[in-house]
C-alpha cells in the first residue's frame, strides 16, 4: 500500500495548508472532509506562517547578496593585515628592525608568528592595532613599513569595516527570522497532521483508490514504494 508523506520543507507545509484552506473556503462546512475546529485553527495560523516564510527567505536572500560582496573584501583586508605583520617580522628576522618594534603593534616582542586572524573580529582588532601602531611609529620620525604601506592597508581595512556592520545586521536578521519560523513549524505540522487524519477518516468508507483520490484533493501526498510502482499498470498514475 502507498503511504502518505508529510511535508518536510516550509514550502511544502505552506502548499499543504493552502490546499486544505482553499477546500475549506469552497466547500460547505457540512460537506468538508475535516472539522470546522481544525479549519478555524488553519485560518488563524496560515497567514502567520506564510509571512514568517517570506520574511526568512527575504532575509536569507539579502544576506546571500551581501555575502557575495562582503566575503572578497573581508578576504582582501585579512590578506593586507597579514602581509603587513609578515613584512615587519621578516624585517626583524633580517636584522633591519629591532624586535621591540613589535610593541608598536601590540605584538609579542620575542615571537615572529602571526596573531590569529581567522575571524572577522580578529581582523578588525589587529587591523586597528597595526594602523595605530604604524602611525605612532612614523610620527616619531621612523621610516614607514613598505609593501604594503599602512596607507594601503588602511584603505582595504576601512572598506571592510564599513561593510562588516551592515553584514552583521543582515546575519542577525536571518538568524532572527529563522528562529521565528522554527517556532511555528511544530504548529504547522500539528495542523497538517490533524487535517490529514480527519480527511482520511472522512473517506475511510470508500475503496483505497477512491479514498486516496479524494484525499489528494485536500493536499495529502501519497507515495508508492518502488515495488508497487513497478507492479502498477501503465494506465494508472502513481500520484494518487
C-alpha atoms as a PDB file:
ATOM      1  CA  UNK A   1       0.000   0.000   0.000  1.00  0.00           C
ATOM      2  CA  UNK A   2       1.225   3.517  -0.690  1.00  0.00           C
ATOM      3  CA  UNK A   3       1.991   5.671   2.313  1.00  0.00           C
ATOM      4  CA  UNK A   4       1.326   9.342   2.829  1.00  0.00           C
ATOM      5  CA  UNK A   5       4.308  11.655   3.052  1.00  0.00           C
ATOM      6  CA  UNK A   6       4.020  14.613   5.389  1.00  0.00           C
ATOM      7  CA  UNK A   7       5.670  17.856   4.243  1.00  0.00           C
ATOM      8  CA  UNK A   8       9.314  18.213   5.242  1.00  0.00           C
ATOM      9  CA  UNK A   9      10.035  21.686   3.876  1.00  0.00           C
ATOM     10  CA  UNK A  10       8.456  25.034   4.674  1.00  0.00           C
ATOM     11  CA  UNK A  11       7.207  25.498   1.118  1.00  0.00           C
ATOM     12  CA  UNK A  12       5.660  22.023   1.168  1.00  0.00           C
ATOM     13  CA  UNK A  13       3.998  22.791   4.520  1.00  0.00           C
ATOM     14  CA  UNK A  14       2.625  26.022   3.123  1.00  0.00           C
ATOM     15  CA  UNK A  15       1.384  24.291  -0.031  1.00  0.00           C
ATOM     16  CA  UNK A  16      -0.402  21.619   2.026  1.00  0.00           C
ATOM     17  CA  UNK A  17      -2.087  24.217   4.240  1.00  0.00           C
ATOM     18  CA  UNK A  18      -3.109  26.388   1.300  1.00  0.00           C
ATOM     19  CA  UNK A  19      -4.688  23.437  -0.480  1.00  0.00           C
ATOM     20  CA  UNK A  20      -6.710  22.489   2.607  1.00  0.00           C
ATOM     21  CA  UNK A  21      -7.605  26.120   3.253  1.00  0.00           C
ATOM     22  CA  UNK A  22      -8.881  26.577  -0.272  1.00  0.00           C
ATOM     23  CA  UNK A  23     -11.048  23.466   0.094  1.00  0.00           C
ATOM     24  CA  UNK A  24     -12.425  24.926   3.316  1.00  0.00           C
ATOM     25  CA  UNK A  25     -13.374  28.117   1.529  1.00  0.00           C
ATOM     26  CA  UNK A  26     -15.024  26.382  -1.408  1.00  0.00           C
ATOM     27  CA  UNK A  27     -16.882  23.536   0.298  1.00  0.00           C
ATOM     28  CA  UNK A  28     -19.822  23.897   2.672  1.00  0.00           C
ATOM     29  CA  UNK A  29     -18.870  23.045   6.275  1.00  0.00           C
ATOM     30  CA  UNK A  30     -21.257  20.082   6.324  1.00  0.00           C
ATOM     31  CA  UNK A  31     -19.501  18.553   3.315  1.00  0.00           C
ATOM     32  CA  UNK A  32     -15.942  19.461   4.259  1.00  0.00           C
ATOM     33  CA  UNK A  33     -13.758  16.428   4.991  1.00  0.00           C
ATOM     34  CA  UNK A  34     -12.189  17.975   8.103  1.00  0.00           C
ATOM     35  CA  UNK A  35     -13.741  19.693  11.089  1.00  0.00           C
ATOM     36  CA  UNK A  36     -14.586  23.363  11.439  1.00  0.00           C
ATOM     37  CA  UNK A  37     -12.483  23.457  14.576  1.00  0.00           C
ATOM     38  CA  UNK A  38      -9.418  22.423  12.590  1.00  0.00           C
ATOM     39  CA  UNK A  39     -10.351  24.793   9.766  1.00  0.00           C
ATOM     40  CA  UNK A  40     -10.507  27.694  12.241  1.00  0.00           C
ATOM     41  CA  UNK A  41      -7.041  26.835  13.558  1.00  0.00           C
ATOM     42  CA  UNK A  42      -5.758  26.716   9.994  1.00  0.00           C
ATOM     43  CA  UNK A  43      -7.413  30.029   9.090  1.00  0.00           C
ATOM     44  CA  UNK A  44      -5.902  31.788  12.107  1.00  0.00           C
ATOM     45  CA  UNK A  45      -2.431  30.340  11.540  1.00  0.00           C
ATOM     46  CA  UNK A  46      -1.739  30.166   7.823  1.00  0.00           C
ATOM     47  CA  UNK A  47      -1.050  33.879   7.276  1.00  0.00           C
ATOM     48  CA  UNK A  48       1.415  33.970  10.174  1.00  0.00           C
ATOM     49  CA  UNK A  49       3.308  31.012   8.773  1.00  0.00           C
ATOM     50  CA  UNK A  50       3.356  32.381   5.227  1.00  0.00           C
ATOM     51  CA  UNK A  51       4.619  35.737   6.490  1.00  0.00           C
ATOM     52  CA  UNK A  52       7.349  34.026   8.509  1.00  0.00           C
ATOM     53  CA  UNK A  53       8.431  32.001   5.467  1.00  0.00           C
ATOM     54  CA  UNK A  54       8.574  35.120   3.288  1.00  0.00           C
ATOM     55  CA  UNK A  55      10.479  37.135   5.893  1.00  0.00           C
ATOM     56  CA  UNK A  56      13.067  34.390   6.343  1.00  0.00           C
ATOM     57  CA  UNK A  57      13.549  33.959   2.586  1.00  0.00           C
ATOM     58  CA  UNK A  58      13.930  37.709   2.099  1.00  0.00           C
ATOM     59  CA  UNK A  59      16.414  37.969   4.975  1.00  0.00           C
ATOM     60  CA  UNK A  60      18.370  34.973   3.679  1.00  0.00           C
ATOM     61  CA  UNK A  61      18.480  36.367   0.128  1.00  0.00           C
ATOM     62  CA  UNK A  62      19.651  39.775   1.343  1.00  0.00           C
ATOM     63  CA  UNK A  63      22.394  38.116   3.374  1.00  0.00           C
ATOM     64  CA  UNK A  64      23.434  35.983   0.396  1.00  0.00           C
ATOM     65  CA  UNK A  65      23.629  39.055  -1.850  1.00  0.00           C
ATOM     66  CA  UNK A  66      25.653  40.874   0.788  1.00  0.00           C
ATOM     67  CA  UNK A  67      27.981  37.887   1.233  1.00  0.00           C
ATOM     68  CA  UNK A  68      28.860  37.906  -2.460  1.00  0.00           C
ATOM     69  CA  UNK A  69      30.222  41.425  -1.997  1.00  0.00           C
ATOM     70  CA  UNK A  70      31.436  41.151   1.576  1.00  0.00           C
ATOM     71  CA  UNK A  71      33.466  37.927   1.516  1.00  0.00           C
ATOM     72  CA  UNK A  72      36.043  39.039  -1.123  1.00  0.00           C
ATOM     73  CA  UNK A  73      36.501  42.367   0.665  1.00  0.00           C
ATOM     74  CA  UNK A  74      36.942  40.640   4.020  1.00  0.00           C
ATOM     75  CA  UNK A  75      39.486  38.267   2.482  1.00  0.00           C
ATOM     76  CA  UNK A  76      41.406  41.177   0.966  1.00  0.00           C
ATOM     77  CA  UNK A  77      41.505  43.030   4.294  1.00  0.00           C
ATOM     78  CA  UNK A  78      42.714  39.866   6.074  1.00  0.00           C
ATOM     79  CA  UNK A  79      45.414  39.450   3.435  1.00  0.00           C
ATOM     80  CA  UNK A  80      46.720  43.012   3.828  1.00  0.00           C
ATOM     81  CA  UNK A  81      46.740  42.885   7.627  1.00  0.00           C
ATOM     82  CA  UNK A  82      48.540  39.551   7.490  1.00  0.00           C
ATOM     83  CA  UNK A  83      51.088  40.732   4.929  1.00  0.00           C
ATOM     84  CA  UNK A  84      51.907  43.874   6.872  1.00  0.00           C
ATOM     85  CA  UNK A  85      52.672  41.849  10.003  1.00  0.00           C
ATOM     86  CA  UNK A  86      54.711  39.356   7.985  1.00  0.00           C
ATOM     87  CA  UNK A  87      56.774  42.187   6.474  1.00  0.00           C
ATOM     88  CA  UNK A  88      57.507  43.525   9.971  1.00  0.00           C
ATOM     89  CA  UNK A  89      58.545  40.066  11.182  1.00  0.00           C
ATOM     90  CA  UNK A  90      60.753  39.446   8.128  1.00  0.00           C
ATOM     91  CA  UNK A  91      62.456  42.817   8.638  1.00  0.00           C
ATOM     92  CA  UNK A  92      63.182  41.813  12.242  1.00  0.00           C
ATOM     93  CA  UNK A  93      64.474  38.441  11.063  1.00  0.00           C
ATOM     94  CA  UNK A  94      66.827  40.145   8.596  1.00  0.00           C
ATOM     95  CA  UNK A  95      68.056  42.487  11.288  1.00  0.00           C
ATOM     96  CA  UNK A  96      66.649  45.591   9.600  1.00  0.00           C
ATOM     97  CA  UNK A  97      64.366  46.284  12.570  1.00  0.00           C
ATOM     98  CA  UNK A  98      64.840  45.503  16.232  1.00  0.00           C
ATOM     99  CA  UNK A  99      62.434  43.035  17.868  1.00  0.00           C
ATOM    100  CA  UNK A 100      60.993  45.743  20.113  1.00  0.00           C
ATOM    101  CA  UNK A 101      59.419  47.338  17.008  1.00  0.00           C
ATOM    102  CA  UNK A 102      56.643  44.819  17.550  1.00  0.00           C
ATOM    103  CA  UNK A 103      55.494  46.698  20.658  1.00  0.00           C
ATOM    104  CA  UNK A 104      54.100  49.438  18.411  1.00  0.00           C
ATOM    105  CA  UNK A 105      51.660  46.894  17.005  1.00  0.00           C
ATOM    106  CA  UNK A 106      50.973  45.137  20.324  1.00  0.00           C
ATOM    107  CA  UNK A 107      52.676  42.001  19.035  1.00  0.00           C
ATOM    108  CA  UNK A 108      54.768  39.758  21.326  1.00  0.00           C
ATOM    109  CA  UNK A 109      58.351  41.062  21.199  1.00  0.00           C
ATOM    110  CA  UNK A 110      60.049  37.674  21.027  1.00  0.00           C
ATOM    111  CA  UNK A 111      57.639  35.924  18.671  1.00  0.00           C
ATOM    112  CA  UNK A 112      57.659  36.111  14.890  1.00  0.00           C
ATOM    113  CA  UNK A 113      54.405  34.314  14.212  1.00  0.00           C
ATOM    114  CA  UNK A 114      51.153  35.764  13.003  1.00  0.00           C
ATOM    115  CA  UNK A 115      48.408  36.505  15.508  1.00  0.00           C
ATOM    116  CA  UNK A 116      45.077  34.717  14.973  1.00  0.00           C
ATOM    117  CA  UNK A 117      43.203  36.230  12.024  1.00  0.00           C
ATOM    118  CA  UNK A 118      40.615  33.534  11.388  1.00  0.00           C
ATOM    119  CA  UNK A 119      37.562  35.540  12.452  1.00  0.00           C
ATOM    120  CA  UNK A 120      36.405  38.887  11.104  1.00  0.00           C
ATOM    121  CA  UNK A 121      36.565  40.370  14.591  1.00  0.00           C
ATOM    122  CA  UNK A 122      40.220  39.346  14.898  1.00  0.00           C
ATOM    123  CA  UNK A 123      40.969  41.090  11.594  1.00  0.00           C
ATOM    124  CA  UNK A 124      39.231  44.211  12.905  1.00  0.00           C
ATOM    125  CA  UNK A 125      41.151  44.146  16.190  1.00  0.00           C
ATOM    126  CA  UNK A 126      44.581  43.522  14.682  1.00  0.00           C
ATOM    127  CA  UNK A 127      43.996  45.893  11.796  1.00  0.00           C
ATOM    128  CA  UNK A 128      43.266  48.671  14.259  1.00  0.00           C
ATOM    129  CA  UNK A 129      46.396  47.823  16.265  1.00  0.00           C
ATOM    130  CA  UNK A 130      48.787  47.883  13.321  1.00  0.00           C
ATOM    131  CA  UNK A 131      47.277  51.060  11.843  1.00  0.00           C
ATOM    132  CA  UNK A 132      47.525  52.923  15.146  1.00  0.00           C
ATOM    133  CA  UNK A 133      50.977  51.490  15.819  1.00  0.00           C
ATOM    134  CA  UNK A 134      52.397  52.397  12.422  1.00  0.00           C
ATOM    135  CA  UNK A 135      51.060  55.942  12.598  1.00  0.00           C
ATOM    136  CA  UNK A 136      52.615  56.349  16.027  1.00  0.00           C
ATOM    137  CA  UNK A 137      55.897  54.904  14.810  1.00  0.00           C
ATOM    138  CA  UNK A 138      56.144  57.124  11.719  1.00  0.00           C
ATOM    139  CA  UNK A 139      55.089  60.195  13.717  1.00  0.00           C
ATOM    140  CA  UNK A 140      58.261  59.651  15.743  1.00  0.00           C
ATOM    141  CA  UNK A 141      60.312  60.042  12.570  1.00  0.00           C
ATOM    142  CA  UNK A 142      60.919  56.387  11.832  1.00  0.00           C
ATOM    143  CA  UNK A 143      60.763  55.165   8.209  1.00  0.00           C
ATOM    144  CA  UNK A 144      57.454  53.542   7.221  1.00  0.00           C
ATOM    145  CA  UNK A 145      56.966  49.882   6.524  1.00  0.00           C
ATOM    146  CA  UNK A 146      56.676  49.366   2.785  1.00  0.00           C
ATOM    147  CA  UNK A 147      54.989  46.842   0.532  1.00  0.00           C
ATOM    148  CA  UNK A 148      52.359  47.145   1.785  1.00  0.00           C
ATOM    149  CA  UNK A 149      52.310  50.611   3.265  1.00  0.00           C
ATOM    150  CA  UNK A 150      49.944  51.250   6.130  1.00  0.00           C
ATOM    151  CA  UNK A 151      48.004  53.661   3.902  1.00  0.00           C
ATOM    152  CA  UNK A 152      47.192  50.803   1.521  1.00  0.00           C
ATOM    153  CA  UNK A 153      46.314  48.513   4.421  1.00  0.00           C
ATOM    154  CA  UNK A 154      44.034  51.234   5.793  1.00  0.00           C
ATOM    155  CA  UNK A 155      42.126  51.581   2.515  1.00  0.00           C
ATOM    156  CA  UNK A 156      41.199  47.900   2.449  1.00  0.00           C
ATOM    157  CA  UNK A 157      40.671  47.747   6.201  1.00  0.00           C
ATOM    158  CA  UNK A 158      38.215  50.649   6.318  1.00  0.00           C
ATOM    159  CA  UNK A 159      36.261  49.318   3.341  1.00  0.00           C
ATOM    160  CA  UNK A 160      35.962  46.005   5.172  1.00  0.00           C
ATOM    161  CA  UNK A 161      34.912  47.598   8.479  1.00  0.00           C
ATOM    162  CA  UNK A 162      32.241  49.705   6.750  1.00  0.00           C
ATOM    163  CA  UNK A 163      30.641  46.588   5.283  1.00  0.00           C
ATOM    164  CA  UNK A 164      31.135  44.495   8.424  1.00  0.00           C
ATOM    165  CA  UNK A 165      28.472  46.276  10.478  1.00  0.00           C
ATOM    166  CA  UNK A 166      25.865  46.088   7.716  1.00  0.00           C
ATOM    167  CA  UNK A 167      26.636  42.441   7.020  1.00  0.00           C
ATOM    168  CA  UNK A 168      26.369  41.566  10.708  1.00  0.00           C
ATOM    169  CA  UNK A 169      22.917  43.180  10.852  1.00  0.00           C
ATOM    170  CA  UNK A 170      21.816  41.096   7.860  1.00  0.00           C
ATOM    171  CA  UNK A 171      23.169  37.940   9.501  1.00  0.00           C
ATOM    172  CA  UNK A 172      21.297  38.751  12.709  1.00  0.00           C
ATOM    173  CA  UNK A 173      18.092  39.349  10.739  1.00  0.00           C
ATOM    174  CA  UNK A 174      18.464  35.942   9.104  1.00  0.00           C
ATOM    175  CA  UNK A 175      19.005  34.246  12.459  1.00  0.00           C
ATOM    176  CA  UNK A 176      16.031  36.074  13.989  1.00  0.00           C
ATOM    177  CA  UNK A 177      13.611  35.279  11.162  1.00  0.00           C
ATOM    178  CA  UNK A 178      14.838  31.668  11.067  1.00  0.00           C
ATOM    179  CA  UNK A 179      14.201  31.383  14.814  1.00  0.00           C
ATOM    180  CA  UNK A 180      10.698  32.811  14.426  1.00  0.00           C
ATOM    181  CA  UNK A 181       9.982  30.362  11.608  1.00  0.00           C
ATOM    182  CA  UNK A 182      11.360  27.440  13.615  1.00  0.00           C
ATOM    183  CA  UNK A 183       8.941  28.284  16.421  1.00  0.00           C
ATOM    184  CA  UNK A 184       5.970  27.995  14.028  1.00  0.00           C
ATOM    185  CA  UNK A 185       6.908  24.718  12.366  1.00  0.00           C
ATOM    186  CA  UNK A 186       5.618  22.486  15.143  1.00  0.00           C
ATOM    187  CA  UNK A 187       2.210  24.157  14.993  1.00  0.00           C
ATOM    188  CA  UNK A 188       2.159  23.865  11.214  1.00  0.00           C
ATOM    189  CA  UNK A 189       2.931  20.156  11.411  1.00  0.00           C
ATOM    190  CA  UNK A 190       0.253  19.610  14.044  1.00  0.00           C
ATOM    191  CA  UNK A 191      -2.399  21.348  11.943  1.00  0.00           C
ATOM    192  CA  UNK A 192      -1.438  19.462   8.782  1.00  0.00           C
ATOM    193  CA  UNK A 193      -1.446  16.147  10.627  1.00  0.00           C
ATOM    194  CA  UNK A 194      -4.885  16.883  12.109  1.00  0.00           C
ATOM    195  CA  UNK A 195      -6.294  17.795   8.689  1.00  0.00           C
ATOM    196  CA  UNK A 196      -4.866  14.734   7.008  1.00  0.00           C
ATOM    197  CA  UNK A 197      -6.052  12.387   9.770  1.00  0.00           C
ATOM    198  CA  UNK A 198      -9.561  13.842   9.653  1.00  0.00           C
ATOM    199  CA  UNK A 199      -9.704  13.732   5.862  1.00  0.00           C
ATOM    200  CA  UNK A 200      -8.673  10.087   5.737  1.00  0.00           C
ATOM    201  CA  UNK A 201     -11.174   9.251   8.472  1.00  0.00           C
ATOM    202  CA  UNK A 202     -13.887  11.030   6.493  1.00  0.00           C
ATOM    203  CA  UNK A 203     -13.224   8.944   3.354  1.00  0.00           C
ATOM    204  CA  UNK A 204     -12.473   5.618   5.046  1.00  0.00           C
ATOM    205  CA  UNK A 205     -15.687   4.058   3.724  1.00  0.00           C
ATOM    206  CA  UNK A 206     -14.509   4.327   0.132  1.00  0.00           C
ATOM    207  CA  UNK A 207     -12.218   1.927  -1.685  1.00  0.00           C
ATOM    208  CA  UNK A 208      -8.494   2.616  -1.133  1.00  0.00           C
ATOM    209  CA  UNK A 209      -8.149   4.069  -4.623  1.00  0.00           C
ATOM    210  CA  UNK A 210     -11.213   6.287  -4.260  1.00  0.00           C
ATOM    211  CA  UNK A 211     -10.173   7.361  -0.772  1.00  0.00           C
ATOM    212  CA  UNK A 212      -6.701   8.379  -1.957  1.00  0.00           C
ATOM    213  CA  UNK A 213      -8.139  10.259  -4.921  1.00  0.00           C
ATOM    214  CA  UNK A 214     -10.496  12.239  -2.676  1.00  0.00           C
ATOM    215  CA  UNK A 215      -7.860  12.850  -0.016  1.00  0.00           C
ATOM    216  CA  UNK A 216      -5.364  14.045  -2.618  1.00  0.00           C
ATOM    217  CA  UNK A 217      -7.737  16.921  -3.415  1.00  0.00           C
ATOM    218  CA  UNK A 218      -7.107  18.131   0.146  1.00  0.00           C
ATOM    219  CA  UNK A 219      -3.367  18.128  -0.399  1.00  0.00           C
ATOM    220  CA  UNK A 220      -2.477  14.736   1.008  1.00  0.00           C
ATOM    221  CA  UNK A 221       0.570  13.292  -0.729  1.00  0.00           C
ATOM    222  CA  UNK A 222       0.722   9.544  -1.283  1.00  0.00           C
ATOM    223  CA  UNK A 223       3.918   7.799  -2.252  1.00  0.00           C
ATOM    224  CA  UNK A 224       4.099   4.411  -3.881  1.00  0.00           C
ATOM    225  CA  UNK A 225       7.020   2.186  -2.960  1.00  0.00           C
ATOM    226  CA  UNK A 226       9.310   1.109  -5.775  1.00  0.00           C
ATOM    227  CA  UNK A 227       7.889  -2.408  -5.833  1.00  0.00           C
ATOM    228  CA  UNK A 228       4.355  -1.010  -6.020  1.00  0.00           C
ATOM    229  CA  UNK A 229       5.185   1.335  -8.891  1.00  0.00           C
ATOM    230  CA  UNK A 230       6.724  -1.470 -10.931  1.00  0.00           C
ATOM    231  CA  UNK A 231       3.646  -3.626 -10.398  1.00  0.00           C
ATOM    232  CA  UNK A 232       1.151  -0.928 -11.455  1.00  0.00           C
ATOM    233  CA  UNK A 233      -0.460  -0.964 -14.902  1.00  0.00           C
ATOM    234  CA  UNK A 234       0.890   1.753 -17.187  1.00  0.00           C
ATOM    235  CA  UNK A 235      -2.503   3.463 -17.293  1.00  0.00           C
ATOM    236  CA  UNK A 236      -2.527   4.007 -13.527  1.00  0.00           C
ATOM    237  CA  UNK A 237      -0.875   7.156 -12.235  1.00  0.00           C
ATOM    238  CA  UNK A 238       1.355   6.679  -9.163  1.00  0.00           C
ATOM    239  CA  UNK A 239       0.401  10.125  -7.845  1.00  0.00           C
ATOM    240  CA  UNK A 240      -2.959   9.067  -6.410  1.00  0.00           C
END
